[in-house]
Amino acid sequence: MTEPILARVSLHDRKRYALIKQHGLCRGLGPAIFFNDEDYGIARRLCEGCQVRGMCLDLALTYHEKGMWAGTSERDRARLRRQRRRLALSA
């Protein structure tokens, strides 16, 4: 996450980002596997068993993060946001 984005993140969500960095299976890994548009397979498999995956996905959806987050690509998350909007409108 970049500093300008971090400045707009609530204190609660900053703590959630810190938890992801501490407990995520991705901790200590470089960003290359999370920004490889041609092969997200490694990142998807890594995220499958991660204990903070739900929190990670929620933050990625909220802040429109780039790259692979919680085993989802930007395209996956755009689809999830559209589905959420449709559900909210039909409720």
PDB file of N, CA and C in Angstrom:
ATOM      1  N   MET A   1       0.851  -1.162   0.000  1.00  0.00           N
ATOM      2  CA  MET A   1       0.000   0.000   0.000  1.00  0.00           C
ATOM      3  C   MET A   1       0.898   1.226   0.000  1.00  0.00           C
ATOM      4  N   THR A   2       0.545   2.231  -0.776  1.00  0.00           N
ATOM      5  CA  THR A   2       1.367   3.426  -0.880  1.00  0.00           C
ATOM      6  C   THR A   2       1.024   4.413   0.233  1.00  0.00           C
ATOM      7  N   GLU A   3       1.931   5.311   0.527  1.00  0.00           N
ATOM      8  CA  GLU A   3       1.733   6.278   1.607  1.00  0.00           C
ATOM      9  C   GLU A   3       0.514   7.182   1.406  1.00  0.00           C
ATOM     10  N   PRO A   4       0.255   7.737   0.191  1.00  0.00           N
ATOM     11  CA  PRO A   4      -0.940   8.574   0.036  1.00  0.00           C
ATOM     12  C   PRO A   4      -2.220   7.814   0.377  1.00  0.00           C
ATOM     13  N   ILE A   5      -2.280   6.538   0.015  1.00  0.00           N
ATOM     14  CA  ILE A   5      -3.462   5.743   0.338  1.00  0.00           C
ATOM     15  C   ILE A   5      -3.531   5.529   1.841  1.00  0.00           C
ATOM     16  N   LEU A   6      -2.411   5.240   2.456  1.00  0.00           N
ATOM     17  CA  LEU A   6      -2.371   4.999   3.895  1.00  0.00           C
ATOM     18  C   LEU A   6      -2.889   6.208   4.663  1.00  0.00           C
ATOM     19  N   ALA A   7      -2.630   7.412   4.176  1.00  0.00           N
ATOM     20  CA  ALA A   7      -3.091   8.623   4.854  1.00  0.00           C
ATOM     21  C   ALA A   7      -4.608   8.689   4.913  1.00  0.00           C
ATOM     22  N   ARG A   8      -5.303   8.027   3.990  1.00  0.00           N
ATOM     23  CA  ARG A   8      -6.765   8.053   3.960  1.00  0.00           C
ATOM     24  C   ARG A   8      -7.392   6.856   4.660  1.00  0.00           C
ATOM     25  N   VAL A   9      -6.589   5.979   5.212  1.00  0.00           N
ATOM     26  CA  VAL A   9      -7.075   4.757   5.841  1.00  0.00           C
ATOM     27  C   VAL A   9      -7.345   5.022   7.313  1.00  0.00           C
ATOM     28  N   SER A  10      -8.479   4.535   7.808  1.00  0.00           N
ATOM     29  CA  SER A  10      -8.823   4.722   9.213  1.00  0.00           C
ATOM     30  C   SER A  10      -7.808   4.016  10.116  1.00  0.00           C
ATOM     31  N   LEU A  11      -7.754   4.429  11.351  1.00  0.00           N
ATOM     32  CA  LEU A  11      -6.849   3.802  12.313  1.00  0.00           C
ATOM     33  C   LEU A  11      -7.174   2.315  12.451  1.00  0.00           C
ATOM     34  N   HIS A  12      -8.457   1.988  12.493  1.00  0.00           N
ATOM     35  CA  HIS A  12      -8.883   0.586  12.580  1.00  0.00           C
ATOM     36  C   HIS A  12      -8.328  -0.223  11.412  1.00  0.00           C
ATOM     37  N   ASP A  13      -8.442   0.317  10.206  1.00  0.00           N
ATOM     38  CA  ASP A  13      -7.947  -0.402   9.035  1.00  0.00           C
ATOM     39  C   ASP A  13      -6.428  -0.443   8.974  1.00  0.00           C
ATOM     40  N   ARG A  14      -5.752   0.572   9.511  1.00  0.00           N
ATOM     41  CA  ARG A  14      -4.291   0.511   9.582  1.00  0.00           C
ATOM     42  C   ARG A  14      -3.854  -0.672  10.434  1.00  0.00           C
ATOM     43  N   LYS A  15      -4.585  -0.892  11.524  1.00  0.00           N
ATOM     44  CA  LYS A  15      -4.280  -2.037  12.384  1.00  0.00           C
ATOM     45  C   LYS A  15      -4.537  -3.345  11.646  1.00  0.00           C
ATOM     46  N   ARG A  16      -5.582  -3.376  10.827  1.00  0.00           N
ATOM     47  CA  ARG A  16      -5.879  -4.577  10.045  1.00  0.00           C
ATOM     48  C   ARG A  16      -4.782  -4.835   9.012  1.00  0.00           C
ATOM     49  N   TYR A  17      -4.292  -3.791   8.360  1.00  0.00           N
ATOM     50  CA  TYR A  17      -3.174  -3.959   7.419  1.00  0.00           C
ATOM     51  C   TYR A  17      -1.955  -4.514   8.155  1.00  0.00           C
ATOM     52  N   ALA A  18      -1.695  -4.004   9.372  1.00  0.00           N
ATOM     53  CA  ALA A  18      -0.559  -4.484  10.160  1.00  0.00           C
ATOM     54  C   ALA A  18      -0.726  -5.958  10.512  1.00  0.00           C
ATOM     55  N   LEU A  19      -1.943  -6.379  10.853  1.00  0.00           N
ATOM     56  CA  LEU A  19      -2.199  -7.791  11.160  1.00  0.00           C
ATOM     57  C   LEU A  19      -1.928  -8.673   9.953  1.00  0.00           C
ATOM     58  N   ILE A  20      -2.323  -8.200   8.790  1.00  0.00           N
ATOM     59  CA  ILE A  20      -2.074  -8.963   7.565  1.00  0.00           C
ATOM     60  C   ILE A  20      -0.566  -9.122   7.352  1.00  0.00           C
ATOM     61  N   LYS A  21       0.172  -8.037   7.544  1.00  0.00           N
ATOM     62  CA  LYS A  21       1.633  -8.097   7.371  1.00  0.00           C
ATOM     63  C   LYS A  21       2.277  -9.046   8.376  1.00  0.00           C
ATOM     64  N   GLN A  22       1.718  -9.129   9.583  1.00  0.00           N
ATOM     65  CA  GLN A  22       2.280  -9.996  10.621  1.00  0.00           C
ATOM     66  C   GLN A  22       1.891 -11.454  10.446  1.00  0.00           C
ATOM     67  N   HIS A  23       0.626 -11.712  10.082  1.00  0.00           N
ATOM     68  CA  HIS A  23       0.098 -13.070  10.123  1.00  0.00           C
ATOM     69  C   HIS A  23      -0.194 -13.689   8.757  1.00  0.00           C
ATOM     70  N   GLY A  24      -0.140 -12.885   7.705  1.00  0.00           N
ATOM     71  CA  GLY A  24      -0.420 -13.414   6.375  1.00  0.00           C
ATOM     72  C   GLY A  24       0.665 -14.366   5.904  1.00  0.00           C
ATOM     73  N   LEU A  25       0.268 -15.344   5.127  1.00  0.00           N
ATOM     74  CA  LEU A  25       1.252 -16.274   4.561  1.00  0.00           C
ATOM     75  C   LEU A  25       2.204 -15.569   3.595  1.00  0.00           C
ATOM     76  N   CYS A  26       1.843 -14.372   3.196  1.00  0.00           N
ATOM     77  CA  CYS A  26       2.672 -13.597   2.268  1.00  0.00           C
ATOM     78  C   CYS A  26       3.764 -12.796   2.978  1.00  0.00           C
ATOM     79  N   ARG A  27       3.768 -12.800   4.296  1.00  0.00           N
ATOM     80  CA  ARG A  27       4.753 -11.990   5.032  1.00  0.00           C
ATOM     81  C   ARG A  27       6.180 -12.379   4.612  1.00  0.00           C
ATOM     82  N   GLY A  28       6.956 -11.361   4.386  1.00  0.00           N
ATOM     83  CA  GLY A  28       8.351 -11.580   4.025  1.00  0.00           C
ATOM     84  C   GLY A  28       8.590 -11.853   2.549  1.00  0.00           C
ATOM     85  N   LEU A  29       7.534 -12.010   1.780  1.00  0.00           N
ATOM     86  CA  LEU A  29       7.700 -12.267   0.347  1.00  0.00           C
ATOM     87  C   LEU A  29       7.765 -10.948  -0.412  1.00  0.00           C
ATOM     88  N   GLY A  30       8.479 -10.949  -1.482  1.00  0.00           N
ATOM     89  CA  GLY A  30       8.534  -9.776  -2.334  1.00  0.00           C
ATOM     90  C   GLY A  30       7.238  -9.610  -3.119  1.00  0.00           C
ATOM     91  N   PRO A  31       7.032  -8.456  -3.683  1.00  0.00           N
ATOM     92  CA  PRO A  31       5.777  -8.177  -4.389  1.00  0.00           C
ATOM     93  C   PRO A  31       5.631  -8.829  -5.758  1.00  0.00           C
ATOM     94  N   ALA A  32       6.694  -9.382  -6.309  1.00  0.00           N
ATOM     95  CA  ALA A  32       6.659  -9.867  -7.694  1.00  0.00           C
ATOM     96  C   ALA A  32       5.530 -10.860  -7.957  1.00  0.00           C
ATOM     97  N   ILE A  33       5.292 -11.819  -7.057  1.00  0.00           N
ATOM     98  CA  ILE A  33       4.253 -12.820  -7.347  1.00  0.00           C
ATOM     99  C   ILE A  33       2.843 -12.249  -7.231  1.00  0.00           C
ATOM    100  N   PHE A  34       2.699 -11.089  -6.614  1.00  0.00           N
ATOM    101  CA  PHE A  34       1.388 -10.478  -6.442  1.00  0.00           C
ATOM    102  C   PHE A  34       1.067  -9.460  -7.525  1.00  0.00           C
ATOM    103  N   PHE A  35       2.018  -9.214  -8.414  1.00  0.00           N
ATOM    104  CA  PHE A  35       1.814  -8.257  -9.499  1.00  0.00           C
ATOM    105  C   PHE A  35       2.204  -8.867 -10.842  1.00  0.00           C
ATOM    106  N   ASN A  36       2.034 -10.171 -10.985  1.00  0.00           N
ATOM    107  CA  ASN A  36       2.359 -10.879 -12.213  1.00  0.00           C
ATOM    108  C   ASN A  36       1.051 -11.204 -12.937  1.00  0.00           C
ATOM    109  N   ASP A  37       0.625 -10.320 -13.828  1.00  0.00           N
ATOM    110  CA  ASP A  37      -0.649 -10.485 -14.527  1.00  0.00           C
ATOM    111  C   ASP A  37      -0.742 -11.795 -15.308  1.00  0.00           C
ATOM    112  N   GLU A  38       0.379 -12.328 -15.733  1.00  0.00           N
ATOM    113  CA  GLU A  38       0.360 -13.527 -16.563  1.00  0.00           C
ATOM    114  C   GLU A  38       0.196 -14.803 -15.759  1.00  0.00           C
ATOM    115  N   ASP A  39       0.639 -14.797 -14.490  1.00  0.00           N
ATOM    116  CA  ASP A  39       0.525 -16.020 -13.690  1.00  0.00           C
ATOM    117  C   ASP A  39       0.330 -15.686 -12.220  1.00  0.00           C
ATOM    118  N   TYR A  40      -0.932 -15.620 -11.831  1.00  0.00           N
ATOM    119  CA  TYR A  40      -1.266 -15.394 -10.427  1.00  0.00           C
ATOM    120  C   TYR A  40      -1.384 -16.714  -9.673  1.00  0.00           C
ATOM    121  N   GLY A  41      -1.091 -17.833 -10.309  1.00  0.00           N
ATOM    122  CA  GLY A  41      -1.293 -19.148  -9.710  1.00  0.00           C
ATOM    123  C   GLY A  41      -0.583 -19.342  -8.382  1.00  0.00           C
ATOM    124  N   ILE A  42       0.654 -18.918  -8.302  1.00  0.00           N
ATOM    125  CA  ILE A  42       1.415 -19.085  -7.060  1.00  0.00           C
ATOM    126  C   ILE A  42       0.759 -18.289  -5.942  1.00  0.00           C
ATOM    127  N   ALA A  43       0.417 -17.044  -6.220  1.00  0.00           N
ATOM    128  CA  ALA A  43      -0.205 -16.203  -5.202  1.00  0.00           C
ATOM    129  C   ALA A  43      -1.569 -16.758  -4.795  1.00  0.00           C
ATOM    130  N   ARG A  44      -2.359 -17.220  -5.753  1.00  0.00           N
ATOM    131  CA  ARG A  44      -3.677 -17.790  -5.427  1.00  0.00           C
ATOM    132  C   ARG A  44      -3.525 -18.988  -4.488  1.00  0.00           C
ATOM    133  N   ARG A  45      -2.588 -19.875  -4.785  1.00  0.00           N
ATOM    134  CA  ARG A  45      -2.384 -21.057  -3.935  1.00  0.00           C
ATOM    135  C   ARG A  45      -1.897 -20.672  -2.552  1.00  0.00           C
ATOM    136  N   LEU A  46      -1.032 -19.693  -2.486  1.00  0.00           N
ATOM    137  CA  LEU A  46      -0.529 -19.222  -1.204  1.00  0.00           C
ATOM    138  C   LEU A  46      -1.676 -18.668  -0.351  1.00  0.00           C
ATOM    139  N   CYS A  47      -2.547 -17.908  -0.955  1.00  0.00           N
ATOM    140  CA  CYS A  47      -3.639 -17.261  -0.224  1.00  0.00           C
ATOM    141  C   CYS A  47      -4.729 -18.233   0.220  1.00  0.00           C
ATOM    142  N   GLU A  48      -4.865 -19.358  -0.456  1.00  0.00           N
ATOM    143  CA  GLU A  48      -5.943 -20.299  -0.144  1.00  0.00           C
ATOM    144  C   GLU A  48      -5.996 -20.692   1.326  1.00  0.00           C
ATOM    145  N   GLY A  49      -4.853 -20.932   1.937  1.00  0.00           N
ATOM    146  CA  GLY A  49      -4.850 -21.387   3.319  1.00  0.00           C
ATOM    147  C   GLY A  49      -4.524 -20.311   4.338  1.00  0.00           C
ATOM    148  N   CYS A  50      -4.579 -19.062   3.945  1.00  0.00           N
ATOM    149  CA  CYS A  50      -4.165 -17.979   4.828  1.00  0.00           C
ATOM    150  C   CYS A  50      -5.255 -17.636   5.844  1.00  0.00           C
ATOM    151  N   GLN A  51      -4.840 -17.480   7.092  1.00  0.00           N
ATOM    152  CA  GLN A  51      -5.792 -17.207   8.171  1.00  0.00           C
ATOM    153  C   GLN A  51      -6.348 -15.783   8.148  1.00  0.00           C
ATOM    154  N   VAL A  52      -5.712 -14.868   7.439  1.00  0.00           N
ATOM    155  CA  VAL A  52      -6.210 -13.488   7.388  1.00  0.00           C
ATOM    156  C   VAL A  52      -6.794 -13.151   6.012  1.00  0.00           C
ATOM    157  N   ARG A  53      -7.132 -14.159   5.253  1.00  0.00           N
ATOM    158  CA  ARG A  53      -7.620 -13.953   3.888  1.00  0.00           C
ATOM    159  C   ARG A  53      -8.881 -13.092   3.837  1.00  0.00           C
ATOM    160  N   GLY A  54      -9.831 -13.333   4.730  1.00  0.00           N
ATOM    161  CA  GLY A  54     -11.068 -12.550   4.736  1.00  0.00           C
ATOM    162  C   GLY A  54     -10.817 -11.077   4.991  1.00  0.00           C
ATOM    163  N   MET A  55      -9.958 -10.792   5.950  1.00  0.00           N
ATOM    164  CA  MET A  55      -9.605  -9.410   6.269  1.00  0.00           C
ATOM    165  C   MET A  55      -8.885  -8.771   5.089  1.00  0.00           C
ATOM    166  N   CYS A  56      -8.015  -9.513   4.479  1.00  0.00           N
ATOM    167  CA  CYS A  56      -7.255  -9.043   3.326  1.00  0.00           C
ATOM    168  C   CYS A  56      -8.200  -8.693   2.168  1.00  0.00           C
ATOM    169  N   LEU A  57      -9.146  -9.572   1.894  1.00  0.00           N
ATOM    170  CA  LEU A  57     -10.101  -9.325   0.816  1.00  0.00           C
ATOM    171  C   LEU A  57     -10.948  -8.092   1.112  1.00  0.00           C
ATOM    172  N   ASP A  58     -11.410  -7.961   2.341  1.00  0.00           N
ATOM    173  CA  ASP A  58     -12.230  -6.811   2.708  1.00  0.00           C
ATOM    174  C   ASP A  58     -11.475  -5.504   2.486  1.00  0.00           C
ATOM    175  N   LEU A  59     -10.221  -5.450   2.894  1.00  0.00           N
ATOM    176  CA  LEU A  59      -9.427  -4.237   2.695  1.00  0.00           C
ATOM    177  C   LEU A  59      -9.162  -3.977   1.211  1.00  0.00           C
ATOM    178  N   ALA A  60      -8.871  -5.023   0.467  1.00  0.00           N
ATOM    179  CA  ALA A  60      -8.609  -4.860  -0.967  1.00  0.00           C
ATOM    180  C   ALA A  60      -9.845  -4.342  -1.697  1.00  0.00           C
ATOM    181  N   LEU A  61     -11.018  -4.829  -1.298  1.00  0.00           N
ATOM    182  CA  LEU A  61     -12.261  -4.350  -1.907  1.00  0.00           C
ATOM    183  C   LEU A  61     -12.541  -2.901  -1.517  1.00  0.00           C
ATOM    184  N   THR A  62     -12.318  -2.580  -0.270  1.00  0.00           N
ATOM    185  CA  THR A  62     -12.600  -1.238   0.235  1.00  0.00           C
ATOM    186  C   THR A  62     -11.688  -0.188  -0.381  1.00  0.00           C
ATOM    187  N   TYR A  63     -10.405  -0.494  -0.481  1.00  0.00           N
ATOM    188  CA  TYR A  63      -9.428   0.498  -0.917  1.00  0.00           C
ATOM    189  C   TYR A  63      -8.942   0.302  -2.353  1.00  0.00           C
ATOM    190  N   HIS A  64      -9.610  -0.568  -3.104  1.00  0.00           N
ATOM    191  CA  HIS A  64      -9.289  -0.787  -4.526  1.00  0.00           C
ATOM    192  C   HIS A  64      -7.794  -1.041  -4.728  1.00  0.00           C
ATOM    193  N   GLU A  65      -7.272  -1.954  -3.931  1.00  0.00           N
ATOM    194  CA  GLU A  65      -5.854  -2.296  -4.019  1.00  0.00           C
ATOM    195  C   GLU A  65      -5.511  -2.881  -5.392  1.00  0.00           C
ATOM    196  N   LYS A  66      -4.290  -2.720  -5.780  1.00  0.00           N
ATOM    197  CA  LYS A  66      -3.777  -3.260  -7.046  1.00  0.00           C
ATOM    198  C   LYS A  66      -3.133  -4.621  -6.803  1.00  0.00           C
ATOM    199  N   GLY A  67      -3.044  -5.413  -7.841  1.00  0.00           N
ATOM    200  CA  GLY A  67      -2.383  -6.709  -7.742  1.00  0.00           C
ATOM    201  C   GLY A  67      -3.259  -7.769  -7.088  1.00  0.00           C
ATOM    202  N   MET A  68      -2.624  -8.843  -6.666  1.00  0.00           N
ATOM    203  CA  MET A  68      -3.306  -9.985  -6.058  1.00  0.00           C
ATOM    204  C   MET A  68      -3.447  -9.759  -4.560  1.00  0.00           C
ATOM    205  N   TRP A  69      -4.672  -9.851  -4.064  1.00  0.00           N
ATOM    206  CA  TRP A  69      -4.967  -9.751  -2.631  1.00  0.00           C
ATOM    207  C   TRP A  69      -5.955 -10.852  -2.308  1.00  0.00           C
ATOM    208  N   ALA A  70      -5.689 -11.600  -1.261  1.00  0.00           N
ATOM    209  CA  ALA A  70      -6.605 -12.646  -0.773  1.00  0.00           C
ATOM    210  C   ALA A  70      -6.945 -13.655  -1.872  1.00  0.00           C
ATOM    211  N   GLY A  71      -6.008 -13.886  -2.758  1.00  0.00           N
ATOM    212  CA  GLY A  71      -6.242 -14.845  -3.825  1.00  0.00           C
ATOM    213  C   GLY A  71      -7.135 -14.334  -4.935  1.00  0.00           C
ATOM    214  N   THR A  72      -7.360 -13.020  -4.982  1.00  0.00           N
ATOM    215  CA  THR A  72      -8.205 -12.439  -6.027  1.00  0.00           C
ATOM    216  C   THR A  72      -7.428 -11.387  -6.808  1.00  0.00           C
ATOM    217  N   SER A  73      -7.684 -11.339  -8.090  1.00  0.00           N
ATOM    218  CA  SER A  73      -7.063 -10.330  -8.949  1.00  0.00           C
ATOM    219  C   SER A  73      -7.923  -9.067  -8.928  1.00  0.00           C
ATOM    220  N   GLU A  74      -7.423  -8.001  -9.515  1.00  0.00           N
ATOM    221  CA  GLU A  74      -8.206  -6.766  -9.616  1.00  0.00           C
ATOM    222  C   GLU A  74      -9.521  -7.025 -10.346  1.00  0.00           C
ATOM    223  N   ARG A  75      -9.469  -7.836 -11.388  1.00  0.00           N
ATOM    224  CA  ARG A  75     -10.680  -8.174 -12.149  1.00  0.00           C
ATOM    225  C   ARG A  75     -11.668  -8.947 -11.274  1.00  0.00           C
ATOM    226  N   ASP A  76     -11.165  -9.910 -10.504  1.00  0.00           N
ATOM    227  CA  ASP A  76     -12.037 -10.669  -9.587  1.00  0.00           C
ATOM    228  C   ASP A  76     -12.738  -9.731  -8.607  1.00  0.00           C
ATOM    229  N   ARG A  77     -11.979  -8.794  -8.053  1.00  0.00           N
ATOM    230  CA  ARG A  77     -12.547  -7.890  -7.058  1.00  0.00           C
ATOM    231  C   ARG A  77     -13.534  -6.911  -7.679  1.00  0.00           C
ATOM    232  N   ALA A  78     -13.292  -6.479  -8.905  1.00  0.00           N
ATOM    233  CA  ALA A  78     -14.255  -5.610  -9.587  1.00  0.00           C
ATOM    234  C   ALA A  78     -15.581  -6.356  -9.752  1.00  0.00           C
ATOM    235  N   ARG A  79     -15.499  -7.629 -10.099  1.00  0.00           N
ATOM    236  CA  ARG A  79     -16.710  -8.446 -10.238  1.00  0.00           C
ATOM    237  C   ARG A  79     -17.419  -8.586  -8.883  1.00  0.00           C
ATOM    238  N   LEU A  80     -16.662  -8.813  -7.829  1.00  0.00           N
ATOM    239  CA  LEU A  80     -17.257  -8.924  -6.491  1.00  0.00           C
ATOM    240  C   LEU A  80     -17.932  -7.621  -6.062  1.00  0.00           C
ATOM    241  N   ARG A  81     -17.313  -6.487  -6.367  1.00  0.00           N
ATOM    242  CA  ARG A  81     -17.939  -5.200  -6.022  1.00  0.00           C
ATOM    243  C   ARG A  81     -19.244  -5.008  -6.783  1.00  0.00           C
ATOM    244  N   ARG A  82     -19.271  -5.390  -8.060  1.00  0.00           N
ATOM    245  CA  ARG A  82     -20.517  -5.280  -8.840  1.00  0.00           C
ATOM    246  C   ARG A  82     -21.597  -6.172  -8.244  1.00  0.00           C
ATOM    247  N   GLN A  83     -21.224  -7.401  -7.860  1.00  0.00           N
ATOM    248  CA  GLN A  83     -22.190  -8.319  -7.254  1.00  0.00           C
ATOM    249  C   GLN A  83     -22.727  -7.758  -5.942  1.00  0.00           C
ATOM    250  N   ARG A  84     -21.865  -7.173  -5.146  1.00  0.00           N
ATOM    251  CA  ARG A  84     -22.301  -6.572  -3.876  1.00  0.00           C
ATOM    252  C   ARG A  84     -23.279  -5.427  -4.116  1.00  0.00           C
ATOM    253  N   ARG A  85     -22.980  -4.596  -5.129  1.00  0.00           N
ATOM    254  CA  ARG A  85     -23.885  -3.471  -5.447  1.00  0.00           C
ATOM    255  C   ARG A  85     -25.248  -3.989  -5.871  1.00  0.00           C
ATOM    256  N   ARG A  86     -25.258  -5.013  -6.731  1.00  0.00           N
ATOM    257  CA  ARG A  86     -26.539  -5.578  -7.182  1.00  0.00           C
ATOM    258  C   ARG A  86     -27.343  -6.130  -6.012  1.00  0.00           C
ATOM    259  N   LEU A  87     -26.666  -6.843  -5.117  1.00  0.00           N
ATOM    260  CA  LEU A  87     -27.344  -7.386  -3.948  1.00  0.00           C
ATOM    261  C   LEU A  87     -27.905  -6.278  -3.065  1.00  0.00           C
ATOM    262  N   ALA A  88     -27.132  -5.206  -2.895  1.00  0.00           N
ATOM    263  CA  ALA A  88     -27.587  -4.100  -2.070  1.00  0.00           C
ATOM    264  C   ALA A  88     -28.809  -3.419  -2.687  1.00  0.00           C
ATOM    265  N   LEU A  89     -28.825  -3.307  -4.002  1.00  0.00           N
ATOM    266  CA  LEU A  89     -29.949  -2.677  -4.680  1.00  0.00           C
ATOM    267  C   LEU A  89     -31.207  -3.542  -4.638  1.00  0.00           C
ATOM    268  N   SER A  90     -31.024  -4.849  -4.619  1.00  0.00           N
ATOM    269  CA  SER A  90     -32.186  -5.736  -4.623  1.00  0.00           C
ATOM    270  C   SER A  90     -32.730  -6.001  -3.218  1.00  0.00           C
ATOM    271  N   ALA A  91     -31.994  -5.584  -2.207  1.00  0.00           N
ATOM    272  CA  ALA A  91     -32.435  -5.830  -0.815  1.00  0.00           C
ATOM    273  C   ALA A  91     -33.455  -4.836  -0.345  1.00  0.00           C
TER     274      ALA A  91
END
